[in-house]
Amino acid sequence: MKVVKLSHPNYEYDVHSLVKAFYAEDQVTVITPETKPEKLAELEPQVSLEIELGDTGAKIRVGEEIFLWEAASEAIADGYKNGLKRFLYRTLSKVTGQKLPWGNLTGIRPTKIAYGMLDEGRSDAEILDFMEQSHYVSEEKALLGIDIAKRERDLLKEIHYEGGYSLYIGIPFCPTTCLYCSFTSYPIAAFRRQVDAYVDAVIKEMDYVAENFQDKVLDTVYIGGGTPTTLEPEQLDRLITALKSKFDFSTVKEFTVEAGRADSITREKLEVLHRHQVSRISVNPQTMKQETLDIIGRKASVEQVLTAYRLAREVGFDNINMDLILGLPGELEADVQRTIERIVELAPDSLTVHSLAIKRASRLNQWIQENGVSMLHNTDETMKIAAAGAEKLGMKPYYLYRQKNMSGNFENTGYARPGKYGLYNILIMEEKQTIVALGAGSITKRVFPDGRIERCDNVKDVGLYIEKIDEMIKRKRELFT
């Protein structure tokens, strides 16, 4: 465990995220003067890093070493917090001998920096210099961020920011819960009797949105989860029939359904989606190594993934995404290489490459305690293997985001062939358009013309969502009044 003592209850999130990035194998706890006395008494003897904040700088003690920072010694036009993060990064880099690929950036949207600077008319060289000098981002990652930001700007140029919106519908059911998952999802076998009532509640929520957004342009629609294809064919049909009867789809540029788990996909369900003109689906293997699928509790076999993918092509889908996760338990470079080779043979239209994120709410935490974090192996080499596979398929990187506690401190990157980019994926990351979200556990984001964002969330529990659907609608009404 790494215990960090912070002299003021400020910047806790950034300090925790940065220390955790350097000490990925350790649990990190930050204590401040506001920490409960009993917890403070328990943890203070274990302090290994102490940060004392001052008006004109800061002091860091690591073991017996003392590091000093005078704010006046560097231009901190971007504020004290960013100056402190640079100081903490330099200190930890010196102590550990490590350099992080994304430097001191702790947020989930590193491309927003490049995106904003491009909007200001800055050159590639200026953006690269800023990301390297102000945030210690590696040249490779900075150039990736610039490349993606340019592609995003081009792809979003026809999106209606102020006069439009996107719609998300969450289906919080899965065949089983994967080892690494922390999303709102419930085992479909135990909730089968509630699904029809859940669809009724979602349709009621649709009614409010359709009535109150009829003067807005609907740009993209995304049905995610969970696993939407855990619904029976007639339930899927009822949901999408209601959706298309209530909303004007003539303006919709992209309609995605995340089919996801191969063990939930049937020809009949795919035919329902195709008949309703769903333009983009996902068939997500995560890995093509059967032993790993067994470990992570993903019951769909490699053979089922292959069958589901071929079925989707036979039914007529010409825009299929596949998701992979790097850093899964026990997987090495050779395993990733074999997975990529099989993906290349299938030739999907887009590929989303995730770096495993260790979520507190997932069962993966318990697995790590029993097996050790060293079993999670993600490296620069595995990232390059995936990128090379995407390039072989004629794909370009088009969106990127990061999460806390990511294996290898890397990123999640979406690759796609020209014309097959996932617009909704960019919109949810860049937060430039209002996204109205329906269903249990979903979060609606209202983006104002000045860039301000306000949110309202739906309860996660399926039963409560159904019972309190009128309250969920009321929350939206208040947000958009």
Protein backbone atom coordinates (compact mmCIF):
# COMPACT_ATOMS: atom_id res chain seq x y z
CA MET A 1 0.00 0.00 0.00
CA LYS A 2 1.09 3.56 -0.74
CA VAL A 3 -0.27 6.10 1.74
CA VAL A 4 -0.06 9.72 0.61
CA LYS A 5 -0.43 12.49 3.18
CA LEU A 6 -1.74 15.72 1.64
CA SER A 7 -1.56 18.87 3.79
CA HIS A 8 -4.78 20.36 2.38
CA PRO A 9 -8.01 18.69 1.20
CA ASN A 10 -7.34 19.91 -2.34
CA TYR A 11 -6.33 18.08 -5.52
CA GLU A 12 -6.97 14.65 -3.98
CA TYR A 13 -8.26 13.13 -7.24
CA ASP A 14 -5.27 14.30 -9.30
CA VAL A 15 -2.74 13.28 -6.65
CA HIS A 16 -4.32 9.83 -6.24
CA SER A 17 -4.52 9.24 -10.02
CA LEU A 18 -0.92 10.26 -10.65
CA VAL A 19 0.54 8.27 -7.75
CA LYS A 20 -1.52 5.23 -8.78
CA ALA A 21 -0.19 5.54 -12.35
CA PHE A 22 3.39 5.20 -11.06
CA TYR A 23 2.59 2.50 -8.50
CA ALA A 24 0.07 0.43 -10.46
CA GLU A 25 0.58 -2.70 -8.35
CA ASP A 26 -0.10 -0.93 -5.05
CA GLN A 27 -3.28 0.20 -3.39
CA VAL A 28 -3.08 3.99 -3.02
CA THR A 29 -4.80 5.93 -0.24
CA VAL A 30 -4.70 9.71 0.18
CA ILE A 31 -5.22 11.14 3.66
CA THR A 32 -5.83 14.81 4.51
CA PRO A 33 -6.68 16.81 7.66
CA GLU A 34 -10.33 15.98 6.87
CA THR A 35 -9.75 12.21 7.02
CA LYS A 36 -11.65 10.61 9.91
CA PRO A 37 -9.46 10.54 13.07
CA GLU A 38 -9.64 6.75 13.48
CA LYS A 39 -8.58 6.17 9.88
CA LEU A 40 -5.88 8.82 10.19
CA ALA A 41 -4.44 7.11 13.27
CA GLU A 42 -4.39 3.78 11.43
CA LEU A 43 -2.79 5.05 8.23
CA GLU A 44 -0.41 7.81 9.34
CA PRO A 45 2.36 5.40 10.43
CA GLN A 46 2.29 3.97 6.88
CA VAL A 47 2.78 7.30 5.07
CA SER A 48 5.38 6.86 2.33
CA LEU A 49 4.76 10.09 0.43
CA GLU A 50 3.95 13.44 2.01
CA ILE A 51 2.87 16.54 0.07
CA GLU A 52 2.84 19.93 1.77
CA LEU A 53 1.12 22.66 -0.22
CA GLY A 54 2.06 26.31 0.15
CA ASP A 55 1.00 29.60 -1.40
CA THR A 56 4.21 29.89 -3.41
CA GLY A 57 5.06 26.25 -4.02
CA ALA A 58 5.09 22.80 -2.46
CA LYS A 59 7.30 20.25 -0.72
CA ILE A 60 7.26 16.49 -1.30
CA ARG A 61 8.88 13.95 0.97
CA VAL A 62 9.40 10.43 -0.36
CA GLY A 63 11.03 8.28 2.29
CA GLU A 64 14.04 10.30 3.41
CA GLU A 65 14.23 12.41 0.24
CA ILE A 66 12.86 15.97 0.11
CA PHE A 67 11.85 17.69 -3.15
CA LEU A 68 11.02 21.39 -3.33
CA TRP A 69 9.02 23.37 -5.84
CA GLU A 70 8.83 27.13 -6.10
CA ALA A 71 5.88 28.14 -8.23
CA ALA A 72 7.67 31.29 -9.30
CA SER A 73 10.42 29.20 -10.89
CA GLU A 74 8.15 28.16 -13.75
CA ALA A 75 5.43 29.96 -15.63
CA ILE A 76 2.16 28.58 -14.31
CA ALA A 77 -0.23 30.57 -16.43
CA ASP A 78 -2.44 27.47 -16.45
CA GLY A 79 -2.80 27.57 -12.68
CA TYR A 80 -1.35 26.19 -9.44
CA LYS A 81 -2.94 22.76 -9.88
CA ASN A 82 -1.21 22.11 -13.21
CA GLY A 83 2.09 23.36 -11.82
CA LEU A 84 1.71 21.00 -8.85
CA LYS A 85 0.92 18.06 -11.15
CA ARG A 86 4.06 18.75 -13.17
CA PHE A 87 6.11 18.88 -9.95
CA LEU A 88 4.59 15.65 -8.64
CA TYR A 89 5.18 13.95 -12.00
CA ARG A 90 8.85 15.02 -12.09
CA THR A 91 9.35 13.84 -8.52
CA LEU A 92 7.76 10.42 -9.02
CA SER A 93 9.52 9.96 -12.34
CA LYS A 94 12.87 10.60 -10.66
CA VAL A 95 12.09 8.33 -7.70
CA THR A 96 10.78 5.41 -9.79
CA GLY A 97 12.82 5.87 -12.97
CA GLN A 98 9.59 5.67 -14.99
CA LYS A 99 8.14 7.87 -17.70
CA LEU A 100 4.42 7.55 -18.34
CA PRO A 101 3.17 7.52 -21.94
CA TRP A 102 0.53 10.15 -21.17
CA GLY A 103 2.71 12.13 -18.77
CA ASN A 104 0.82 13.88 -15.98
CA LEU A 105 -2.56 13.81 -17.73
CA THR A 106 -5.08 12.20 -15.39
CA GLY A 107 -8.33 13.02 -17.22
CA ILE A 108 -10.11 10.59 -19.51
CA ARG A 109 -10.12 12.81 -22.62
CA PRO A 110 -6.55 13.72 -23.58
CA THR A 111 -7.57 14.50 -27.17
CA LYS A 112 -9.63 17.46 -25.90
CA ILE A 113 -6.39 19.42 -25.50
CA ALA A 114 -5.43 18.92 -29.14
CA TYR A 115 -9.03 19.47 -30.27
CA GLY A 116 -9.25 22.80 -28.43
CA MET A 117 -5.87 24.03 -29.68
CA LEU A 118 -6.79 23.13 -33.28
CA ASP A 119 -9.96 25.21 -32.84
CA GLU A 120 -7.71 28.10 -31.73
CA GLY A 121 -5.74 27.79 -34.97
CA ARG A 122 -2.60 26.33 -33.38
CA SER A 123 -0.19 24.35 -35.56
CA ASP A 124 0.71 20.69 -35.03
CA ALA A 125 4.17 21.76 -33.85
CA GLU A 126 2.69 24.11 -31.23
CA ILE A 127 0.33 21.45 -29.93
CA LEU A 128 3.09 18.84 -29.81
CA ASP A 129 5.39 21.22 -27.94
CA PHE A 130 2.65 22.10 -25.43
CA MET A 131 1.77 18.46 -24.70
CA GLU A 132 5.44 17.48 -24.30
CA GLN A 133 6.55 20.50 -22.26
CA SER A 134 3.45 21.18 -20.14
CA HIS A 135 2.26 17.61 -19.59
CA TYR A 136 5.30 15.39 -20.37
CA VAL A 137 3.28 13.37 -22.89
CA SER A 138 5.45 11.15 -25.07
CA GLU A 139 5.87 12.23 -28.68
CA GLU A 140 4.15 9.07 -29.88
CA LYS A 141 1.01 9.66 -27.78
CA ALA A 142 0.94 13.41 -28.49
CA LEU A 143 1.03 12.76 -32.24
CA LEU A 144 -1.70 10.12 -31.85
CA GLY A 145 -3.84 12.66 -29.99
CA ILE A 146 -3.35 15.30 -32.70
CA ASP A 147 -4.13 12.81 -35.48
CA ILE A 148 -7.35 11.70 -33.77
CA ALA A 149 -8.44 15.26 -32.93
CA LYS A 150 -8.13 16.25 -36.60
CA ARG A 151 -10.16 13.23 -37.70
CA GLU A 152 -12.81 13.91 -35.04
CA ARG A 153 -13.21 17.54 -36.13
CA ASP A 154 -13.70 16.46 -39.71
CA LEU A 155 -16.20 13.74 -38.81
CA LEU A 156 -18.27 16.02 -36.58
CA LYS A 157 -18.47 19.01 -38.92
CA GLU A 158 -22.06 18.13 -39.94
CA ILE A 159 -23.28 17.40 -36.41
CA HIS A 160 -25.92 19.77 -35.02
CA TYR A 161 -24.38 20.95 -31.76
CA GLU A 162 -26.86 23.57 -30.53
CA GLY A 163 -29.92 22.49 -32.48
CA GLY A 164 -29.45 18.75 -32.19
CA TYR A 165 -28.96 15.85 -29.82
CA SER A 166 -28.13 12.16 -29.67
CA LEU A 167 -30.13 9.43 -27.98
CA TYR A 168 -28.81 6.59 -25.81
CA ILE A 169 -30.94 3.65 -24.66
CA GLY A 170 -29.47 1.36 -22.01
CA ILE A 171 -30.41 -2.33 -21.72
CA PRO A 172 -28.87 -3.40 -18.39
CA PHE A 173 -29.03 -7.17 -18.83
CA CYS A 174 -26.25 -9.66 -19.65
CA PRO A 175 -26.00 -13.44 -19.97
CA THR A 176 -23.40 -13.33 -17.14
CA THR A 177 -21.25 -10.65 -15.53
CA CYS A 178 -17.65 -10.61 -16.77
CA LEU A 179 -14.78 -10.56 -14.28
CA TYR A 180 -13.69 -7.02 -15.20
CA CYS A 181 -17.15 -5.42 -15.56
CA SER A 182 -18.42 -2.58 -13.37
CA PHE A 183 -21.27 -1.39 -15.61
CA THR A 184 -24.90 -1.56 -14.57
CA SER A 185 -25.82 -5.08 -15.65
CA TYR A 186 -28.04 -7.83 -14.29
CA PRO A 187 -28.09 -11.56 -15.17
CA ILE A 188 -30.90 -11.98 -17.68
CA ALA A 189 -31.91 -15.39 -16.30
CA ALA A 190 -32.87 -13.85 -12.94
CA PHE A 191 -34.59 -10.80 -14.45
CA ARG A 192 -36.40 -12.41 -17.39
CA ARG A 193 -39.87 -11.70 -15.91
CA GLN A 194 -39.11 -7.99 -15.54
CA VAL A 195 -37.89 -7.36 -19.08
CA ASP A 196 -41.31 -6.57 -20.60
CA ALA A 197 -42.05 -4.08 -17.81
CA TYR A 198 -38.58 -2.59 -18.35
CA VAL A 199 -39.25 -2.10 -22.07
CA ASP A 200 -42.59 -0.46 -21.17
CA ALA A 201 -40.79 1.99 -18.87
CA VAL A 202 -38.19 2.84 -21.53
CA ILE A 203 -40.96 3.48 -24.06
CA LYS A 204 -42.69 5.79 -21.56
CA GLU A 205 -39.41 7.68 -21.16
CA MET A 206 -39.19 7.83 -24.98
CA ASP A 207 -42.61 9.52 -25.07
CA TYR A 208 -41.35 12.44 -22.98
CA VAL A 209 -38.22 12.92 -25.10
CA ALA A 210 -40.05 12.62 -28.43
CA GLU A 211 -42.60 15.23 -27.40
CA ASN A 212 -40.13 17.69 -25.90
CA PHE A 213 -37.35 17.37 -28.49
CA GLN A 214 -39.46 17.45 -31.64
CA ASP A 215 -37.91 20.80 -32.64
CA LYS A 216 -34.36 19.35 -32.31
CA VAL A 217 -32.38 17.37 -34.88
CA LEU A 218 -31.63 13.76 -33.86
CA ASP A 219 -28.12 12.95 -35.12
CA THR A 220 -27.23 9.53 -33.68
CA VAL A 221 -28.95 6.72 -31.76
CA TYR A 222 -27.08 4.13 -29.70
CA ILE A 223 -28.62 1.14 -27.90
CA GLY A 224 -26.05 -0.18 -25.43
CA GLY A 225 -25.86 -2.02 -22.15
CA GLY A 226 -25.35 -4.49 -20.68
CA THR A 227 -26.15 -6.54 -23.75
CA PRO A 228 -29.18 -5.36 -25.77
CA THR A 229 -29.42 -8.71 -27.57
CA THR A 230 -30.32 -10.45 -24.30
CA LEU A 231 -33.83 -9.23 -25.19
CA GLU A 232 -35.95 -11.74 -27.08
CA PRO A 233 -36.56 -10.98 -30.78
CA GLU A 234 -40.12 -9.78 -30.15
CA GLN A 235 -38.93 -7.52 -27.30
CA LEU A 236 -36.22 -6.03 -29.50
CA ASP A 237 -38.80 -5.55 -32.23
CA ARG A 238 -41.26 -3.84 -29.86
CA LEU A 239 -38.57 -1.52 -28.49
CA ILE A 240 -37.23 -0.42 -31.89
CA THR A 241 -40.70 -0.20 -33.48
CA ALA A 242 -41.69 2.25 -30.72
CA LEU A 243 -38.43 4.14 -31.14
CA LYS A 244 -38.82 4.60 -34.89
CA SER A 245 -42.49 5.51 -34.62
CA LYS A 246 -41.83 8.30 -32.12
CA PHE A 247 -38.67 9.90 -33.55
CA ASP A 248 -37.80 11.34 -36.95
CA PHE A 249 -35.06 9.06 -38.27
CA SER A 250 -34.66 10.97 -41.53
CA THR A 251 -31.86 13.02 -39.90
CA VAL A 252 -30.16 10.11 -38.10
CA LYS A 253 -26.62 9.65 -39.39
CA GLU A 254 -25.90 6.50 -37.39
CA PHE A 255 -28.04 3.90 -35.60
CA THR A 256 -25.93 1.52 -33.49
CA VAL A 257 -26.95 -1.53 -31.47
CA GLU A 258 -24.25 -3.11 -29.35
CA ALA A 259 -24.99 -6.78 -29.92
CA GLY A 260 -21.87 -7.52 -27.89
CA ARG A 261 -21.94 -11.00 -26.44
CA ALA A 262 -21.95 -13.77 -29.04
CA ASP A 263 -23.87 -16.07 -26.66
CA SER A 264 -26.84 -13.68 -26.92
CA ILE A 265 -26.86 -13.39 -30.74
CA THR A 266 -29.22 -15.38 -32.95
CA ARG A 267 -30.16 -15.08 -36.61
CA GLU A 268 -33.69 -14.04 -35.64
CA LYS A 269 -32.42 -11.16 -33.49
CA LEU A 270 -30.01 -10.01 -36.19
CA GLU A 271 -32.86 -10.08 -38.72
CA VAL A 272 -34.94 -7.84 -36.42
CA LEU A 273 -32.08 -5.32 -36.23
CA HIS A 274 -31.45 -5.43 -39.97
CA ARG A 275 -35.15 -5.05 -40.79
CA HIS A 276 -35.22 -1.90 -38.64
CA GLN A 277 -32.22 -0.55 -40.59
CA VAL A 278 -29.75 -0.57 -37.72
CA SER A 279 -26.62 0.69 -39.47
CA ARG A 280 -23.89 -0.46 -37.09
CA ILE A 281 -23.53 -3.37 -34.63
CA SER A 282 -20.82 -4.79 -32.38
CA VAL A 283 -19.81 -8.42 -31.99
CA ASN A 284 -17.28 -8.33 -29.17
CA PRO A 285 -14.88 -11.24 -28.53
CA GLN A 286 -12.48 -9.33 -26.14
CA THR A 287 -9.96 -12.09 -26.88
CA MET A 288 -9.73 -15.12 -29.15
CA LYS A 289 -8.06 -17.24 -26.47
CA GLN A 290 -10.56 -19.70 -25.01
CA GLU A 291 -8.69 -20.15 -21.71
CA THR A 292 -8.92 -16.41 -21.07
CA LEU A 293 -12.63 -16.32 -21.90
CA ASP A 294 -13.13 -19.06 -19.29
CA ILE A 295 -11.18 -17.10 -16.66
CA ILE A 296 -13.09 -13.85 -17.18
CA GLY A 297 -16.47 -15.58 -17.13
CA ARG A 298 -17.40 -14.68 -20.68
CA LYS A 299 -19.41 -17.74 -21.59
CA ALA A 300 -19.38 -17.15 -25.33
CA SER A 301 -16.77 -19.44 -26.85
CA VAL A 302 -14.40 -18.46 -29.64
CA GLU A 303 -16.46 -20.65 -31.96
CA GLN A 304 -19.65 -18.80 -30.97
CA VAL A 305 -17.94 -15.47 -31.76
CA LEU A 306 -17.00 -16.74 -35.24
CA THR A 307 -20.54 -18.04 -35.83
CA ALA A 308 -22.19 -14.80 -34.65
CA TYR A 309 -19.92 -12.69 -36.85
CA ARG A 310 -20.60 -14.80 -39.93
CA LEU A 311 -24.34 -14.73 -39.22
CA ALA A 312 -24.24 -10.92 -39.06
CA ARG A 313 -22.54 -10.79 -42.47
CA GLU A 314 -25.04 -13.30 -43.93
CA VAL A 315 -27.98 -11.21 -42.66
CA GLY A 316 -26.50 -8.19 -44.45
CA PHE A 317 -24.63 -6.01 -41.94
CA ASP A 318 -21.83 -4.06 -43.60
CA ASN A 319 -20.65 -2.11 -40.52
CA ILE A 320 -19.54 -4.45 -37.75
CA ASN A 321 -17.33 -3.43 -34.83
CA MET A 322 -15.32 -5.80 -32.66
CA ASP A 323 -13.99 -5.00 -29.17
CA LEU A 324 -10.74 -6.34 -27.73
CA ILE A 325 -9.22 -5.94 -24.27
CA LEU A 326 -5.45 -5.93 -23.76
CA GLY A 327 -4.00 -6.90 -20.39
CA LEU A 328 -6.49 -9.68 -19.59
CA PRO A 329 -5.37 -12.23 -16.97
CA GLY A 330 -2.43 -14.34 -18.11
CA GLU A 331 -2.28 -13.02 -21.67
CA LEU A 332 1.11 -12.24 -23.19
CA GLU A 333 2.24 -10.66 -26.48
CA ALA A 334 1.94 -14.00 -28.33
CA ASP A 335 -1.71 -14.34 -27.23
CA VAL A 336 -2.52 -10.82 -28.44
CA GLN A 337 -0.77 -11.57 -31.74
CA ARG A 338 -2.88 -14.70 -32.29
CA THR A 339 -6.08 -12.80 -31.45
CA ILE A 340 -5.20 -10.02 -33.88
CA GLU A 341 -4.41 -12.51 -36.64
CA ARG A 342 -7.87 -14.07 -36.27
CA ILE A 343 -9.51 -10.63 -36.24
CA VAL A 344 -7.67 -9.70 -39.44
CA GLU A 345 -8.99 -12.89 -41.06
CA LEU A 346 -12.56 -11.91 -40.15
CA ALA A 347 -12.05 -8.33 -41.42
CA PRO A 348 -14.52 -6.31 -39.31
CA ASP A 349 -15.20 -2.70 -40.29
CA SER A 350 -13.99 -1.20 -37.01
CA LEU A 351 -11.99 -2.33 -34.01
CA THR A 352 -12.05 -0.89 -30.49
CA VAL A 353 -8.93 -1.74 -28.50
CA HIS A 354 -9.32 -1.38 -24.74
CA SER A 355 -6.59 -1.44 -22.11
CA LEU A 356 -7.92 -3.38 -19.14
CA ALA A 357 -9.14 -1.01 -16.40
CA ILE A 358 -9.28 -2.34 -12.85
CA LYS A 359 -12.59 -1.09 -11.45
CA ARG A 360 -13.31 -1.15 -7.73
CA ALA A 361 -16.82 -2.48 -8.34
CA SER A 362 -15.65 -5.43 -10.46
CA ARG A 363 -14.81 -8.97 -9.36
CA LEU A 364 -11.38 -8.45 -10.90
CA ASN A 365 -10.20 -6.82 -7.68
CA GLN A 366 -10.79 -10.05 -5.77
CA TRP A 367 -9.09 -12.04 -8.54
CA ILE A 368 -6.00 -9.82 -8.29
CA GLN A 369 -5.80 -10.39 -4.53
CA GLU A 370 -5.82 -14.13 -5.13
CA ASN A 371 -3.56 -14.27 -8.21
CA GLY A 372 -1.45 -11.09 -8.13
CA VAL A 373 -1.53 -8.03 -10.38
CA SER A 374 1.56 -9.27 -12.27
CA MET A 375 -0.80 -11.62 -14.15
CA LEU A 376 -2.19 -8.55 -15.94
CA HIS A 377 0.29 -7.90 -18.69
CA ASN A 378 -0.14 -4.92 -21.02
CA THR A 379 2.87 -3.37 -22.72
CA ASP A 380 3.81 -0.96 -25.46
CA GLU A 381 4.39 -4.02 -27.62
CA THR A 382 0.84 -5.36 -27.19
CA MET A 383 -0.55 -1.91 -28.06
CA LYS A 384 1.59 -1.86 -31.22
CA ILE A 385 0.44 -5.38 -32.21
CA ALA A 386 -3.19 -4.22 -32.06
CA ALA A 387 -2.45 -0.99 -33.93
CA ALA A 388 -0.61 -2.92 -36.66
CA GLY A 389 -3.59 -5.25 -37.06
CA ALA A 390 -5.94 -2.28 -37.45
CA GLU A 391 -3.60 -0.76 -40.04
CA LYS A 392 -3.52 -4.04 -41.97
CA LEU A 393 -7.33 -3.83 -42.14
CA GLY A 394 -7.12 -0.32 -43.60
CA MET A 395 -8.34 1.33 -40.39
CA LYS A 396 -7.43 4.71 -38.88
CA PRO A 397 -7.66 5.73 -35.21
CA TYR A 398 -10.69 8.01 -34.79
CA TYR A 399 -11.44 8.30 -31.05
CA LEU A 400 -9.57 7.75 -27.82
CA TYR A 401 -10.24 7.86 -24.11
CA ARG A 402 -8.63 6.79 -20.88
CA GLN A 403 -9.88 5.35 -17.60
CA LYS A 404 -8.58 5.22 -14.06
CA ASN A 405 -6.32 2.29 -13.15
CA MET A 406 -5.66 1.21 -16.72
CA SER A 407 -3.28 -1.66 -17.33
CA GLY A 408 0.04 -0.23 -18.51
CA ASN A 409 -1.29 3.33 -18.11
CA PHE A 410 -2.25 3.31 -21.79
CA GLU A 411 -5.58 4.14 -23.46
CA ASN A 412 -8.62 2.85 -25.32
CA THR A 413 -8.55 3.54 -29.05
CA GLY A 414 -11.21 3.13 -31.69
CA TYR A 415 -10.03 2.25 -35.21
CA ALA A 416 -12.24 2.15 -38.30
CA ARG A 417 -12.20 1.99 -42.06
CA PRO A 418 -13.17 5.21 -43.88
CA GLY A 419 -16.93 5.68 -43.75
CA LYS A 420 -17.34 3.23 -40.85
CA TYR A 421 -16.46 5.54 -37.95
CA GLY A 422 -18.67 5.47 -34.84
CA LEU A 423 -19.94 9.05 -34.53
CA TYR A 424 -21.68 8.43 -31.18
CA ASN A 425 -18.38 7.23 -29.70
CA ILE A 426 -16.76 10.58 -30.54
CA LEU A 427 -19.73 12.59 -29.26
CA ILE A 428 -19.83 10.83 -25.88
CA MET A 429 -16.09 11.44 -25.42
CA GLU A 430 -15.80 15.02 -26.66
CA GLU A 431 -18.97 16.22 -24.84
CA LYS A 432 -19.89 18.69 -27.58
CA GLN A 433 -23.51 17.66 -28.02
CA THR A 434 -26.41 16.95 -25.66
CA ILE A 435 -26.98 13.23 -25.15
CA VAL A 436 -30.36 12.19 -23.79
CA ALA A 437 -30.08 8.81 -22.07
CA LEU A 438 -32.93 6.41 -21.33
CA GLY A 439 -32.93 3.31 -19.16
CA ALA A 440 -31.65 2.19 -15.76
CA GLY A 441 -28.23 3.56 -14.77
CA SER A 442 -27.99 5.91 -17.76
CA ILE A 443 -26.79 9.51 -17.47
CA THR A 444 -28.16 12.38 -19.55
CA LYS A 445 -25.74 15.21 -20.36
CA ARG A 446 -27.03 18.63 -21.40
CA VAL A 447 -24.36 20.65 -23.22
CA PHE A 448 -25.00 24.41 -23.16
CA PRO A 449 -23.82 26.81 -25.90
CA ASP A 450 -21.07 28.12 -23.58
CA GLY A 451 -19.70 24.57 -23.12
CA ARG A 452 -21.14 24.11 -19.63
CA ILE A 453 -22.46 20.61 -18.94
CA GLU A 454 -25.22 19.57 -16.55
CA ARG A 455 -26.27 16.00 -15.86
CA CYS A 456 -29.13 13.97 -14.50
CA ASP A 457 -29.02 10.26 -13.87
CA ASN A 458 -31.50 7.42 -13.75
CA VAL A 459 -31.48 4.99 -10.84
CA LYS A 460 -29.44 1.84 -11.47
CA ASP A 461 -31.78 -0.72 -9.95
CA VAL A 462 -34.12 -2.19 -12.59
CA GLY A 463 -37.05 -2.57 -10.21
CA LEU A 464 -36.71 0.98 -8.91
CA TYR A 465 -36.36 2.33 -12.45
CA ILE A 466 -39.63 0.69 -13.46
CA GLU A 467 -41.38 1.81 -10.26
CA LYS A 468 -40.08 5.40 -10.41
CA ILE A 469 -40.17 6.03 -14.16
CA ASP A 470 -42.25 9.19 -13.62
CA GLU A 471 -39.51 10.54 -11.35
CA MET A 472 -36.87 9.76 -14.01
CA ILE A 473 -38.92 11.77 -16.51
CA LYS A 474 -39.31 14.58 -13.98
CA ARG A 475 -35.51 14.77 -13.58
CA LYS A 476 -35.16 15.26 -17.34
CA ARG A 477 -37.92 17.83 -17.41
CA GLU A 478 -36.10 19.84 -14.73
CA LEU A 479 -32.76 19.56 -16.53
CA PHE A 480 -34.20 20.82 -19.81
CA THR A 481 -36.54 23.47 -18.43
